[in-house]
Amino acid sequence: MILSSFLVIVFLILVTALYVAAELSMVAVRRNQIRQLSEDGNWLAARLLPIVDQPVELDRAIAACQIGITVSSLVLGAYGQATLAPLLSPLFTELGGFQAPAAQSAAAAAVLITLTVLHMILGELLPKSIALQFPTQTSVMTILPLNWSMKLFAPLLYFFNGSGLLLLKLLRVRATRHHHVHSPGEIDILLTESASDGDLDVEDRRRLRRALRLGARRARDLMAPRAQIVGIEVSTPIPQVLKVVAESPFTRFPVYRGSLDSVIGILHTKDVLLRQMEGSAPESIVDLVRPVGTVPAHAAADQVLVILRERRVQLALVVGEANALVGLISLEDVLSEVFGVMTDELKGEGRRRRGR
C-alpha cells in the first residue's frame, strides 16, 4: 500500500515537472535552432516548430501546460492526504500521544507540508533550472506529451482562453499573445555563449552589450550641457555668422531669439556655405534655419533614437522642468554609447559632442 502510494506520488510530481519544463523551455528556446533542427531532419523539432513559430499555437501550448500543472498539483495534494494521512495517523497517536482527531489533523498537515516541499523542489525549481539551461533539448524532448495534452485539453483550452479574452474585453484591456522575448540578462548570456562558440568577436560583443544598456542611459547623461552650447542669435548679421562658423569647430548651431530658452531651430554650416557658393547670400539666417525637436531630460537613450528618427532630425534640445533648456543631444551622442567616440571631419580630433 505504501509503495504503491509512493509510486503514484512520484508519478504526479514528474507530471508537474514535465509541464513546467515544457512551458519554460518553449518560451526560452531560440526559434532559429528549432528551425535548423527541423531542416536537418529532426522530426520532433518539426512538430515543435509550428508551436514556437506561431503566437496563437504558443498560447494554446502554454495554456495546456498550465492546466496540466494545476491538475497534477491538485491531484497530488488530494491523493497524498487521502492515502498517506490515514497511514501516519496511528504513528502520531502512539508516539505523540495525540487523540484520534488531533492525530488525523497532524498527519494531514505533515503530509501537506512534505508534499509541498517535494513539489516545489522536484516539480518546480529543478525542471525550471533544467529548462532554462537546456531549452532546446528540453523543448524537443517534451513536445510529444505536450501535443497529446493539447489534444486532450482541447475543450478546456477553448473554454479557458475564450473566458480570459472575454474578461479582458469587458475590462477594456488589449489582449496580447505570448512571444519569445528575452530579458537583457538572458541576451547577455546568449552573447557570452556566442563568443565562446566563436560566432562573435570581442568588439562585436562589447557593442551589443552597450546597445542593451541604452535603456538605462538618460538624455541628461549624454547631452552637452547648456553651458557648452554655442548658439547664434537670430538677428546676427550674415558676415558675423560667417565669422562664427569659420572660427568654430562645430557644424550645427542652435538659433535663438533673445536667449537660449527660445531656440527656433538649427543652422547647419553646409547651408550657409552652399548659399555663399551660389552667390545668393540670405539677408537673414531665418531662411536657413532647420527645425529642431525636443526630448525630456529623463528620456532613455533608446527613446531619444526613436524621437530623432520619427522627426527626421539629427539634433534635439534637451528640456527639463517647465520646458527649460538644459542641454543639446545629437544622434552621434547616442550612437557613441554603442560604437565608442565618434568624430566629425569638420571638428577637432577627439571631440565627442555634436551640433554646438
Protein backbone atom coordinates (compact mmCIF):
# COMPACT_ATOMS: atom_id res chain seq x y z
CA MET A 1 0.00 0.00 0.00
CA ILE A 2 2.72 2.44 0.98
CA LEU A 3 4.86 1.52 -2.04
CA SER A 4 2.02 1.98 -4.49
CA SER A 5 1.08 5.32 -2.92
CA PHE A 6 4.70 6.43 -3.10
CA LEU A 7 4.90 5.50 -6.80
CA VAL A 8 1.72 7.41 -7.61
CA ILE A 9 3.03 10.48 -5.79
CA VAL A 10 6.35 10.31 -7.63
CA PHE A 11 4.45 9.99 -10.92
CA LEU A 12 2.32 13.07 -10.18
CA ILE A 13 5.40 15.12 -9.28
CA LEU A 14 7.06 14.03 -12.52
CA VAL A 15 3.95 15.06 -14.47
CA THR A 16 4.13 18.52 -12.92
CA ALA A 17 7.84 18.71 -13.68
CA LEU A 18 7.16 17.75 -17.28
CA TYR A 19 4.67 20.57 -17.81
CA VAL A 20 6.86 23.12 -16.02
CA ALA A 21 9.86 22.18 -18.16
CA ALA A 22 7.79 22.22 -21.35
CA GLU A 23 6.33 25.66 -20.65
CA LEU A 24 9.58 27.40 -19.75
CA SER A 25 11.64 25.76 -22.49
CA MET A 26 9.12 26.78 -25.17
CA VAL A 27 9.41 30.41 -24.14
CA ALA A 28 13.19 30.37 -23.73
CA VAL A 29 14.12 28.33 -26.82
CA ARG A 30 15.59 30.05 -29.85
CA ARG A 31 13.38 29.51 -32.87
CA ASN A 32 16.34 29.55 -35.25
CA GLN A 33 17.78 26.49 -33.53
CA ILE A 34 14.48 24.62 -33.73
CA ARG A 35 14.11 25.60 -37.38
CA GLN A 36 17.64 24.37 -38.10
CA LEU A 37 16.99 21.06 -36.33
CA SER A 38 13.78 20.65 -38.32
CA GLU A 39 15.60 21.31 -41.59
CA ASP A 40 18.23 18.76 -40.55
CA GLY A 41 15.53 16.07 -40.30
CA ASN A 42 14.70 16.06 -36.59
CA TRP A 43 11.03 15.08 -36.60
CA LEU A 44 10.49 16.18 -33.00
CA ALA A 45 11.77 19.66 -33.85
CA ALA A 46 9.47 19.64 -36.89
CA ARG A 47 6.49 19.10 -34.58
CA LEU A 48 7.70 21.79 -32.19
CA LEU A 49 8.38 24.46 -34.84
CA PRO A 50 4.71 25.37 -35.58
CA ILE A 51 4.15 25.97 -31.86
CA VAL A 52 7.12 28.25 -31.19
CA ASP A 53 6.67 30.00 -34.55
CA GLN A 54 3.01 30.97 -34.15
CA PRO A 55 1.82 33.09 -31.18
CA VAL A 56 -1.66 31.51 -31.28
CA GLU A 57 -0.28 27.98 -31.01
CA LEU A 58 2.19 29.09 -28.34
CA ASP A 59 -0.74 30.47 -26.34
CA ARG A 60 -2.54 27.12 -26.56
CA ALA A 61 0.58 25.18 -25.59
CA ILE A 62 1.24 27.38 -22.54
CA ALA A 63 -2.41 27.10 -21.51
CA ALA A 64 -2.17 23.30 -21.81
CA CYS A 65 0.90 23.33 -19.57
CA GLN A 66 -0.90 25.47 -17.02
CA ILE A 67 -3.85 23.08 -16.98
CA GLY A 68 -1.52 20.11 -16.58
CA ILE A 69 0.38 21.77 -13.73
CA THR A 70 -2.82 22.73 -11.93
CA VAL A 71 -4.50 19.34 -12.30
CA SER A 72 -1.44 17.33 -11.29
CA SER A 73 -0.83 19.58 -8.28
CA LEU A 74 -4.41 19.30 -7.06
CA VAL A 75 -4.48 15.54 -7.55
CA LEU A 76 -1.14 15.22 -5.77
CA GLY A 77 -2.41 17.07 -2.70
CA ALA A 78 -5.75 15.28 -2.58
CA TYR A 79 -4.28 11.81 -3.19
CA GLY A 80 -1.44 12.29 -0.73
CA GLN A 81 -3.70 13.35 2.09
CA ALA A 82 -6.26 10.65 1.31
CA THR A 83 -3.72 7.81 1.26
CA LEU A 84 -0.79 8.83 3.46
CA ALA A 85 -2.57 10.71 6.24
CA PRO A 86 -4.54 7.62 7.44
CA LEU A 87 -1.30 5.61 7.45
CA LEU A 88 0.53 8.21 9.54
CA SER A 89 -2.31 8.93 11.93
CA PRO A 90 -1.63 5.85 14.18
CA LEU A 91 2.01 6.90 14.49
CA PHE A 92 1.00 10.28 15.89
CA THR A 93 -1.38 8.53 18.27
CA GLU A 94 1.20 6.04 19.54
CA LEU A 95 4.33 8.19 19.52
CA GLY A 96 2.92 11.59 20.19
CA GLY A 97 0.03 10.74 22.45
CA PHE A 98 -2.47 12.55 20.22
CA GLN A 99 -6.16 11.83 20.34
CA ALA A 100 -7.65 10.40 17.15
CA PRO A 101 -8.99 13.70 15.70
CA ALA A 102 -5.81 15.56 16.57
CA ALA A 103 -3.66 12.75 15.17
CA GLN A 104 -5.54 12.87 11.88
CA SER A 105 -5.11 16.63 11.64
CA ALA A 106 -1.39 16.43 12.47
CA ALA A 107 -0.86 13.65 9.93
CA ALA A 108 -2.71 15.63 7.25
CA ALA A 109 -0.60 18.73 7.98
CA ALA A 110 2.64 16.72 7.91
CA VAL A 111 1.70 15.13 4.58
CA LEU A 112 0.71 18.50 3.09
CA ILE A 113 3.96 20.18 4.15
CA THR A 114 6.10 17.29 2.90
CA LEU A 115 4.34 17.09 -0.45
CA THR A 116 4.52 20.87 -0.88
CA VAL A 117 8.27 20.89 -0.31
CA LEU A 118 8.84 17.95 -2.67
CA HIS A 119 6.54 19.52 -5.24
CA MET A 120 8.36 22.87 -5.13
CA ILE A 121 11.84 21.34 -5.37
CA LEU A 122 11.30 18.42 -7.73
CA GLY A 123 8.25 19.63 -9.61
CA GLU A 124 9.01 23.36 -9.97
CA LEU A 125 12.54 24.55 -9.23
CA LEU A 126 14.55 21.64 -10.66
CA PRO A 127 12.72 21.40 -14.02
CA LYS A 128 12.75 25.20 -14.29
CA SER A 129 16.53 25.29 -13.96
CA ILE A 130 16.98 22.48 -16.45
CA ALA A 131 14.59 24.07 -18.97
CA LEU A 132 16.33 27.45 -18.82
CA GLN A 133 19.79 25.91 -19.07
CA PHE A 134 18.92 23.48 -21.87
CA PRO A 135 15.85 24.98 -23.59
CA THR A 136 16.39 23.35 -26.98
CA GLN A 137 16.86 19.81 -25.69
CA THR A 138 14.06 20.16 -23.13
CA SER A 139 11.51 21.57 -25.56
CA VAL A 140 12.24 18.85 -28.11
CA MET A 141 12.02 16.06 -25.51
CA THR A 142 8.68 17.30 -24.14
CA ILE A 143 6.91 18.02 -27.42
CA LEU A 144 5.16 14.63 -27.73
CA PRO A 145 3.39 14.69 -24.33
CA LEU A 146 2.65 18.34 -24.94
CA ASN A 147 0.97 17.58 -28.26
CA TRP A 148 -1.09 14.83 -26.63
CA SER A 149 -2.08 17.22 -23.84
CA MET A 150 -3.17 19.90 -26.31
CA LYS A 151 -5.48 17.39 -27.98
CA LEU A 152 -6.76 16.04 -24.66
CA PHE A 153 -7.36 19.50 -23.19
CA ALA A 154 -8.75 20.99 -26.42
CA PRO A 155 -12.25 21.74 -25.00
CA LEU A 156 -10.76 23.20 -21.82
CA LEU A 157 -8.30 25.30 -23.82
CA TYR A 158 -11.14 26.73 -25.87
CA PHE A 159 -13.17 27.48 -22.75
CA PHE A 160 -10.38 28.98 -20.63
CA ASN A 161 -8.77 31.03 -23.41
CA GLY A 162 -12.17 32.27 -24.55
CA SER A 163 -13.16 33.19 -21.00
CA GLY A 164 -9.89 35.03 -20.48
CA LEU A 165 -10.28 37.01 -23.71
CA LEU A 166 -13.87 37.85 -22.80
CA LEU A 167 -12.84 39.17 -19.38
CA LEU A 168 -10.08 41.27 -20.92
CA LYS A 169 -12.56 42.69 -23.39
CA LEU A 170 -15.00 43.56 -20.59
CA LEU A 171 -12.16 45.25 -18.70
CA ARG A 172 -11.14 47.05 -21.92
CA VAL A 173 -7.66 45.59 -21.74
CA ARG A 174 -5.97 44.74 -25.01
CA ALA A 175 -5.25 41.03 -25.34
CA THR A 176 -1.67 40.09 -26.23
CA ARG A 177 -0.08 36.89 -27.44
CA HIS A 178 2.93 35.12 -26.00
CA HIS A 179 6.13 35.94 -27.85
CA HIS A 180 9.74 34.90 -27.46
CA VAL A 181 11.10 37.91 -25.59
CA HIS A 182 14.42 37.66 -23.80
CA SER A 183 15.42 39.95 -20.95
CA PRO A 184 18.70 41.90 -21.26
CA GLY A 185 20.28 39.45 -18.81
CA GLU A 186 19.27 36.46 -20.94
CA ILE A 187 20.53 38.18 -24.09
CA ASP A 188 23.83 38.84 -22.33
CA ILE A 189 24.08 35.10 -21.62
CA LEU A 190 23.41 34.39 -25.29
CA LEU A 191 26.17 36.83 -26.25
CA THR A 192 28.58 35.04 -23.94
CA GLU A 193 27.64 31.69 -25.46
CA SER A 194 28.09 33.07 -28.98
CA ALA A 195 31.51 34.43 -28.03
CA SER A 196 32.61 31.07 -26.63
CA ASP A 197 31.44 29.40 -29.85
CA GLY A 198 33.44 31.88 -31.94
CA ASP A 199 30.35 33.47 -33.53
CA LEU A 200 31.14 36.93 -32.15
CA ASP A 201 34.45 38.66 -31.59
CA VAL A 202 35.23 40.76 -28.53
CA GLU A 203 34.43 44.11 -30.17
CA ASP A 204 31.05 42.96 -31.55
CA ARG A 205 30.07 41.60 -28.15
CA ARG A 206 31.09 44.85 -26.48
CA ARG A 207 28.97 46.90 -28.89
CA LEU A 208 25.94 44.68 -28.45
CA ARG A 209 26.20 44.93 -24.68
CA ARG A 210 26.42 48.71 -24.94
CA ALA A 211 23.27 48.66 -27.06
CA LEU A 212 21.48 46.63 -24.37
CA ARG A 213 22.40 49.26 -21.80
CA LEU A 214 20.96 52.16 -23.82
CA GLY A 215 17.69 51.86 -21.94
CA ALA A 216 19.49 52.63 -18.68
CA ARG A 217 21.17 55.78 -20.01
CA ARG A 218 19.22 59.07 -19.97
CA ALA A 219 19.35 62.06 -22.26
CA ARG A 220 20.81 64.16 -19.43
CA ASP A 221 23.72 61.67 -19.19
CA LEU A 222 24.64 62.02 -22.88
CA MET A 223 23.81 65.63 -23.70
CA ALA A 224 26.10 68.63 -23.99
CA PRO A 225 25.11 70.83 -21.03
CA ARG A 226 23.69 74.28 -21.66
CA ALA A 227 26.92 75.98 -20.60
CA GLN A 228 28.76 74.34 -23.53
CA ILE A 229 26.23 75.25 -26.19
CA VAL A 230 27.38 77.71 -28.84
CA GLY A 231 24.30 79.37 -30.31
CA ILE A 232 23.60 82.21 -32.72
CA GLU A 233 21.08 84.98 -32.13
CA VAL A 234 18.60 85.15 -34.99
CA SER A 235 19.30 88.85 -35.67
CA THR A 236 23.06 88.31 -36.06
CA PRO A 237 24.23 89.77 -39.42
CA ILE A 238 25.35 87.27 -42.06
CA PRO A 239 29.02 88.46 -42.03
CA GLN A 240 29.15 87.89 -38.29
CA VAL A 241 27.55 84.47 -38.72
CA LEU A 242 30.22 83.56 -41.28
CA LYS A 243 32.90 84.60 -38.82
CA VAL A 244 31.40 82.43 -36.06
CA VAL A 245 31.15 79.47 -38.46
CA ALA A 246 34.75 79.88 -39.60
CA GLU A 247 36.17 80.13 -36.10
CA SER A 248 34.11 77.33 -34.56
CA PRO A 249 34.84 73.59 -34.79
CA PHE A 250 31.10 72.82 -34.82
CA THR A 251 28.92 72.19 -37.84
CA ARG A 252 25.48 72.93 -36.35
CA PHE A 253 24.36 75.83 -34.22
CA PRO A 254 21.13 76.45 -32.31
CA VAL A 255 19.49 79.66 -33.47
CA TYR A 256 17.66 81.51 -30.71
CA ARG A 257 15.64 84.66 -30.28
CA GLY A 258 16.70 86.65 -27.24
CA SER A 259 18.09 83.74 -25.19
CA LEU A 260 18.73 80.02 -25.41
CA ASP A 261 15.36 79.45 -23.80
CA SER A 262 13.80 80.50 -27.12
CA VAL A 263 15.54 78.31 -29.70
CA ILE A 264 13.76 78.50 -33.06
CA GLY A 265 15.83 75.97 -34.99
CA ILE A 266 19.25 74.74 -36.08
CA LEU A 267 21.66 76.36 -38.52
CA HIS A 268 23.89 73.97 -40.48
CA THR A 269 27.19 75.34 -41.80
CA LYS A 270 26.63 73.43 -45.05
CA ASP A 271 23.55 75.52 -45.79
CA VAL A 272 25.47 78.75 -45.22
CA LEU A 273 28.37 77.70 -47.45
CA LEU A 274 26.09 76.47 -50.24
CA ARG A 275 24.25 79.80 -50.36
CA GLN A 276 27.57 81.65 -50.43
CA MET A 277 28.85 79.49 -53.29
CA GLU A 278 25.65 80.11 -55.23
CA GLY A 279 26.20 83.84 -54.87
CA SER A 280 22.82 84.41 -53.21
CA ALA A 281 23.66 85.19 -49.62
CA PRO A 282 20.50 85.37 -47.50
CA GLU A 283 19.53 88.60 -45.81
CA SER A 284 18.86 86.73 -42.57
CA ILE A 285 19.70 83.31 -41.19
CA VAL A 286 15.99 82.73 -40.63
CA ASP A 287 15.83 81.46 -44.22
CA LEU A 288 18.42 78.78 -43.43
CA VAL A 289 17.13 77.55 -40.09
CA ARG A 290 16.12 73.90 -39.92
CA PRO A 291 13.52 72.58 -37.46
CA VAL A 292 14.68 71.09 -34.18
CA GLY A 293 12.96 68.67 -31.84
CA THR A 294 12.92 68.43 -28.06
CA VAL A 295 13.35 65.49 -25.70
CA PRO A 296 12.82 65.31 -21.94
CA ALA A 297 15.96 65.15 -19.84
CA HIS A 298 14.76 61.88 -18.28
CA ALA A 299 14.13 60.17 -21.65
CA ALA A 300 16.07 56.92 -22.15
CA ALA A 301 18.73 56.85 -24.85
CA ASP A 302 16.80 54.34 -26.95
CA GLN A 303 13.74 56.62 -26.75
CA VAL A 304 15.87 59.51 -27.97
CA LEU A 305 16.82 57.45 -31.02
CA VAL A 306 13.15 56.82 -31.77
CA ILE A 307 12.29 60.52 -31.41
CA LEU A 308 15.13 61.62 -33.68
CA ARG A 309 14.17 59.03 -36.29
CA GLU A 310 10.46 59.89 -36.25
CA ARG A 311 11.15 63.62 -36.60
CA ARG A 312 13.94 63.03 -39.11
CA VAL A 313 16.40 65.26 -37.31
CA GLN A 314 19.90 64.66 -36.02
CA LEU A 315 19.81 67.10 -33.17
CA ALA A 316 17.36 67.77 -30.34
CA LEU A 317 17.05 70.17 -27.45
CA VAL A 318 17.01 68.57 -24.01
CA VAL A 319 14.45 70.21 -21.76
CA GLY A 320 13.92 69.88 -18.04
CA GLU A 321 11.23 71.19 -15.74
CA ALA A 322 8.96 73.91 -17.16
CA ASN A 323 10.47 73.10 -20.60
CA ALA A 324 13.66 74.95 -19.71
CA LEU A 325 16.62 74.19 -21.97
CA VAL A 326 19.23 72.15 -20.11
CA GLY A 327 21.33 70.79 -22.97
CA LEU A 328 21.65 69.55 -26.52
CA ILE A 329 21.82 65.97 -27.75
CA SER A 330 22.60 64.58 -31.17
CA LEU A 331 22.34 61.28 -32.96
CA GLU A 332 26.11 60.89 -32.68
CA ASP A 333 25.96 61.33 -28.91
CA VAL A 334 23.67 58.31 -28.62
CA LEU A 335 25.49 56.20 -31.18
CA SER A 336 28.77 56.89 -29.41
CA GLU A 337 27.41 54.89 -26.48
CA VAL A 338 27.38 51.85 -28.75
CA PHE A 339 30.28 52.40 -31.13
CA GLY A 340 32.58 54.47 -28.97
CA VAL A 341 33.81 58.01 -29.56
CA MET A 342 32.83 59.29 -32.99
CA THR A 343 34.47 62.25 -34.69
CA ASP A 344 33.42 64.70 -37.38
CA GLU A 345 35.66 65.73 -40.27
CA LEU A 346 34.80 69.38 -39.59
CA LYS A 347 35.68 69.14 -35.90
CA GLY A 348 38.79 68.78 -33.88
CA GLU A 349 40.06 65.24 -33.25
CA GLY A 350 38.53 63.63 -30.19
CA ARG A 351 35.59 65.99 -29.86
CA ARG A 352 32.71 63.81 -28.85
CA ARG A 353 29.82 66.27 -28.73
CA ARG A 354 27.96 67.26 -31.88
CA GLY A 355 25.90 70.20 -33.05
CA ARG A 356 27.10 73.06 -30.90
